[in-house]
Amino acid sequence: MKLALAILVFLVFGAAIGGGILMLMHGSPWLFIVGLGAFLGTFCKYGCASQ
């Protein structure tokens, strides 16, 4: 179950960053900045945490 949730979260972040790149090409960088910030923040909190 944890694997399925991890895949779902990764797909949501990927969609946000992908949509942000498309909006960035049209002059609006906000979705890209927010999506990338959320991804990096989550990665730093859970991916790089000492166990």
PDB file of N, CA and C in Angstrom:
ATOM      1  N   MET A   1       0.823  -1.197   0.000  1.00  0.00           N
ATOM      2  CA  MET A   1       0.000   0.000   0.000  1.00  0.00           C
ATOM      3  C   MET A   1       0.865   1.257   0.000  1.00  0.00           C
ATOM      4  N   LYS A   2       1.973   1.208   0.764  1.00  0.00           N
ATOM      5  CA  LYS A   2       2.854   2.375   0.802  1.00  0.00           C
ATOM      6  C   LYS A   2       3.472   2.643  -0.567  1.00  0.00           C
ATOM      7  N   LEU A   3       3.769   1.581  -1.303  1.00  0.00           N
ATOM      8  CA  LEU A   3       4.339   1.758  -2.638  1.00  0.00           C
ATOM      9  C   LEU A   3       3.334   2.446  -3.561  1.00  0.00           C
ATOM     10  N   ALA A   4       2.073   2.037  -3.484  1.00  0.00           N
ATOM     11  CA  ALA A   4       1.044   2.649  -4.331  1.00  0.00           C
ATOM     12  C   ALA A   4       0.869   4.121  -3.983  1.00  0.00           C
ATOM     13  N   LEU A   5       0.887   4.466  -2.710  1.00  0.00           N
ATOM     14  CA  LEU A   5       0.761   5.864  -2.303  1.00  0.00           C
ATOM     15  C   LEU A   5       1.984   6.679  -2.735  1.00  0.00           C
ATOM     16  N   ALA A   6       3.170   6.075  -2.648  1.00  0.00           N
ATOM     17  CA  ALA A   6       4.378   6.764  -3.087  1.00  0.00           C
ATOM     18  C   ALA A   6       4.330   7.041  -4.593  1.00  0.00           C
ATOM     19  N   ILE A   7       3.841   6.074  -5.358  1.00  0.00           N
ATOM     20  CA  ILE A   7       3.712   6.265  -6.803  1.00  0.00           C
ATOM     21  C   ILE A   7       2.686   7.353  -7.104  1.00  0.00           C
ATOM     22  N   LEU A   8       1.577   7.359  -6.374  1.00  0.00           N
ATOM     23  CA  LEU A   8       0.544   8.371  -6.566  1.00  0.00           C
ATOM     24  C   LEU A   8       1.081   9.771  -6.267  1.00  0.00           C
ATOM     25  N   VAL A   9       1.808   9.912  -5.184  1.00  0.00           N
ATOM     26  CA  VAL A   9       2.378  11.217  -4.825  1.00  0.00           C
ATOM     27  C   VAL A   9       3.383  11.663  -5.879  1.00  0.00           C
ATOM     28  N   PHE A  10       4.206  10.745  -6.360  1.00  0.00           N
ATOM     29  CA  PHE A  10       5.182  11.072  -7.396  1.00  0.00           C
ATOM     30  C   PHE A  10       4.485  11.520  -8.676  1.00  0.00           C
ATOM     31  N   LEU A  11       3.393  10.861  -9.043  1.00  0.00           N
ATOM     32  CA  LEU A  11       2.649  11.245 -10.242  1.00  0.00           C
ATOM     33  C   LEU A  11       2.004  12.623 -10.083  1.00  0.00           C
ATOM     34  N   VAL A  12       1.505  12.922  -8.882  1.00  0.00           N
ATOM     35  CA  VAL A  12       0.913  14.244  -8.634  1.00  0.00           C
ATOM     36  C   VAL A  12       1.975  15.325  -8.747  1.00  0.00           C
ATOM     37  N   PHE A  13       3.139  15.089  -8.141  1.00  0.00           N
ATOM     38  CA  PHE A  13       4.227  16.062  -8.257  1.00  0.00           C
ATOM     39  C   PHE A  13       4.681  16.199  -9.708  1.00  0.00           C
ATOM     40  N   GLY A  14       4.758  15.084 -10.420  1.00  0.00           N
ATOM     41  CA  GLY A  14       5.145  15.131 -11.829  1.00  0.00           C
ATOM     42  C   GLY A  14       4.159  15.913 -12.676  1.00  0.00           C
ATOM     43  N   ALA A  15       2.875  15.736 -12.403  1.00  0.00           N
ATOM     44  CA  ALA A  15       1.855  16.477 -13.139  1.00  0.00           C
ATOM     45  C   ALA A  15       1.936  17.971 -12.829  1.00  0.00           C
ATOM     46  N   ALA A  16       2.163  18.306 -11.559  1.00  0.00           N
ATOM     47  CA  ALA A  16       2.267  19.717 -11.179  1.00  0.00           C
ATOM     48  C   ALA A  16       3.489  20.366 -11.827  1.00  0.00           C
ATOM     49  N   ILE A  17       4.611  19.679 -11.795  1.00  0.00           N
ATOM     50  CA  ILE A  17       5.830  20.239 -12.390  1.00  0.00           C
ATOM     51  C   ILE A  17       5.699  20.283 -13.915  1.00  0.00           C
ATOM     52  N   GLY A  18       5.124  19.241 -14.520  1.00  0.00           N
ATOM     53  CA  GLY A  18       4.927  19.237 -15.973  1.00  0.00           C
ATOM     54  C   GLY A  18       3.982  20.343 -16.426  1.00  0.00           C
ATOM     55  N   GLY A  19       2.877  20.501 -15.709  1.00  0.00           N
ATOM     56  CA  GLY A  19       1.967  21.596 -16.020  1.00  0.00           C
ATOM     57  C   GLY A  19       2.614  22.949 -15.777  1.00  0.00           C
ATOM     58  N   GLY A  20       3.464  23.004 -14.750  1.00  0.00           N
ATOM     59  CA  GLY A  20       4.194  24.243 -14.465  1.00  0.00           C
ATOM     60  C   GLY A  20       5.159  24.607 -15.574  1.00  0.00           C
ATOM     61  N   ILE A  21       5.788  23.608 -16.179  1.00  0.00           N
ATOM     62  CA  ILE A  21       6.700  23.876 -17.296  1.00  0.00           C
ATOM     63  C   ILE A  21       5.917  24.437 -18.483  1.00  0.00           C
ATOM     64  N   LEU A  22       4.738  23.861 -18.745  1.00  0.00           N
ATOM     65  CA  LEU A  22       3.917  24.376 -19.842  1.00  0.00           C
ATOM     66  C   LEU A  22       3.481  25.811 -19.572  1.00  0.00           C
ATOM     67  N   MET A  23       3.066  26.089 -18.337  1.00  0.00           N
ATOM     68  CA  MET A  23       2.660  27.451 -17.993  1.00  0.00           C
ATOM     69  C   MET A  23       3.859  28.399 -17.990  1.00  0.00           C
ATOM     70  N   LEU A  24       5.042  27.875 -17.649  1.00  0.00           N
ATOM     71  CA  LEU A  24       6.266  28.680 -17.674  1.00  0.00           C
ATOM     72  C   LEU A  24       6.577  29.152 -19.085  1.00  0.00           C
ATOM     73  N   MET A  25       6.329  28.300 -20.067  1.00  0.00           N
ATOM     74  CA  MET A  25       6.558  28.678 -21.459  1.00  0.00           C
ATOM     75  C   MET A  25       5.606  29.779 -21.923  1.00  0.00           C
ATOM     76  N   HIS A  26       4.466  29.908 -21.254  1.00  0.00           N
ATOM     77  CA  HIS A  26       3.498  30.945 -21.603  1.00  0.00           C
ATOM     78  C   HIS A  26       3.627  32.171 -20.703  1.00  0.00           C
ATOM     79  N   GLY A  27       4.666  32.199 -19.857  1.00  0.00           N
ATOM     80  CA  GLY A  27       4.952  33.396 -19.085  1.00  0.00           C
ATOM     81  C   GLY A  27       4.479  33.397 -17.650  1.00  0.00           C
ATOM     82  N   SER A  28       3.962  32.293 -17.140  1.00  0.00           N
ATOM     83  CA  SER A  28       3.490  32.244 -15.757  1.00  0.00           C
ATOM     84  C   SER A  28       4.274  31.175 -14.990  1.00  0.00           C
ATOM     85  N   PRO A  29       5.244  31.569 -14.183  1.00  0.00           N
ATOM     86  CA  PRO A  29       6.110  30.588 -13.530  1.00  0.00           C
ATOM     87  C   PRO A  29       5.592  30.057 -12.192  1.00  0.00           C
ATOM     88  N   TRP A  30       4.417  30.481 -11.729  1.00  0.00           N
ATOM     89  CA  TRP A  30       4.017  30.191 -10.351  1.00  0.00           C
ATOM     90  C   TRP A  30       3.761  28.720 -10.078  1.00  0.00           C
ATOM     91  N   LEU A  31       3.090  28.006 -10.965  1.00  0.00           N
ATOM     92  CA  LEU A  31       2.826  26.585 -10.742  1.00  0.00           C
ATOM     93  C   LEU A  31       4.126  25.795 -10.724  1.00  0.00           C
ATOM     94  N   PHE A  32       5.059  26.154 -11.581  1.00  0.00           N
ATOM     95  CA  PHE A  32       6.352  25.475 -11.603  1.00  0.00           C
ATOM     96  C   PHE A  32       7.112  25.709 -10.304  1.00  0.00           C
ATOM     97  N   ILE A  33       7.120  26.938  -9.829  1.00  0.00           N
ATOM     98  CA  ILE A  33       7.838  27.264  -8.589  1.00  0.00           C
ATOM     99  C   ILE A  33       7.211  26.542  -7.404  1.00  0.00           C
ATOM    100  N   VAL A  34       5.889  26.558  -7.318  1.00  0.00           N
ATOM    101  CA  VAL A  34       5.205  25.897  -6.204  1.00  0.00           C
ATOM    102  C   VAL A  34       5.389  24.380  -6.272  1.00  0.00           C
ATOM    103  N   GLY A  35       5.237  23.793  -7.447  1.00  0.00           N
ATOM    104  CA  GLY A  35       5.404  22.349  -7.601  1.00  0.00           C
ATOM    105  C   GLY A  35       6.809  21.892  -7.305  1.00  0.00           C
ATOM    106  N   LEU A  36       7.787  22.624  -7.800  1.00  0.00           N
ATOM    107  CA  LEU A  36       9.176  22.278  -7.548  1.00  0.00           C
ATOM    108  C   LEU A  36       9.528  22.473  -6.078  1.00  0.00           C
ATOM    109  N   GLY A  37       9.024  23.542  -5.483  1.00  0.00           N
ATOM    110  CA  GLY A  37       9.268  23.772  -4.052  1.00  0.00           C
ATOM    111  C   GLY A  37       8.655  22.683  -3.191  1.00  0.00           C
ATOM    112  N   ALA A  38       7.445  22.263  -3.517  1.00  0.00           N
ATOM    113  CA  ALA A  38       6.795  21.187  -2.766  1.00  0.00           C
ATOM    114  C   ALA A  38       7.551  19.873  -2.933  1.00  0.00           C
ATOM    115  N   PHE A  39       7.994  19.588  -4.146  1.00  0.00           N
ATOM    116  CA  PHE A  39       8.743  18.357  -4.390  1.00  0.00           C
ATOM    117  C   PHE A  39      10.059  18.360  -3.625  1.00  0.00           C
ATOM    118  N   LEU A  40      10.812  19.458  -3.723  1.00  0.00           N
ATOM    119  CA  LEU A  40      12.090  19.518  -3.033  1.00  0.00           C
ATOM    120  C   LEU A  40      11.922  19.520  -1.515  1.00  0.00           C
ATOM    121  N   GLY A  41      10.902  20.209  -1.025  1.00  0.00           N
ATOM    122  CA  GLY A  41      10.646  20.212   0.412  1.00  0.00           C
ATOM    123  C   GLY A  41      10.294  18.829   0.929  1.00  0.00           C
ATOM    124  N   THR A  42       9.443  18.125   0.192  1.00  0.00           N
ATOM    125  CA  THR A  42       9.072  16.767   0.587  1.00  0.00           C
ATOM    126  C   THR A  42      10.261  15.831   0.489  1.00  0.00           C
ATOM    127  N   PHE A  43      11.054  15.975  -0.560  1.00  0.00           N
ATOM    128  CA  PHE A  43      12.237  15.131  -0.708  1.00  0.00           C
ATOM    129  C   PHE A  43      13.225  15.360   0.421  1.00  0.00           C
ATOM    130  N   CYS A  44      13.447  16.616   0.780  1.00  0.00           N
ATOM    131  CA  CYS A  44      14.388  16.920   1.865  1.00  0.00           C
ATOM    132  C   CYS A  44      13.878  16.393   3.204  1.00  0.00           C
ATOM    133  N   LYS A  45      12.583  16.484   3.424  1.00  0.00           N
ATOM    134  CA  LYS A  45      12.014  16.051   4.707  1.00  0.00           C
ATOM    135  C   LYS A  45      12.007  14.531   4.835  1.00  0.00           C
ATOM    136  N   TYR A  46      11.554  13.826   3.810  1.00  0.00           N
ATOM    137  CA  TYR A  46      11.384  12.380   3.905  1.00  0.00           C
ATOM    138  C   TYR A  46      12.481  11.576   3.215  1.00  0.00           C
ATOM    139  N   GLY A  47      13.071  12.126   2.180  1.00  0.00           N
ATOM    140  CA  GLY A  47      14.069  11.378   1.432  1.00  0.00           C
ATOM    141  C   GLY A  47      15.469  11.475   2.010  1.00  0.00           C
ATOM    142  N   CYS A  48      15.770  12.571   2.657  1.00  0.00           N
ATOM    143  CA  CYS A  48      17.119  12.780   3.174  1.00  0.00           C
ATOM    144  C   CYS A  48      17.163  12.765   4.702  1.00  0.00           C
ATOM    145  N   ALA A  49      16.058  12.409   5.347  1.00  0.00           N
ATOM    146  CA  ALA A  49      16.014  12.414   6.806  1.00  0.00           C
ATOM    147  C   ALA A  49      16.892  11.288   7.344  1.00  0.00           C
ATOM    148  N   SER A  50      17.607  11.595   8.402  1.00  0.00           N
ATOM    149  CA  SER A  50      18.414  10.545   9.036  1.00  0.00           C
ATOM    150  C   SER A  50      17.486   9.623   9.813  1.00  0.00           C
ATOM    151  N   GLN A  51      17.807   8.343   9.761  1.00  0.00           N
ATOM    152  CA  GLN A  51      16.916   7.374  10.408  1.00  0.00           C
ATOM    153  C   GLN A  51      17.531   6.784  11.634  1.00  0.00           C
TER     154      GLN A  51
END
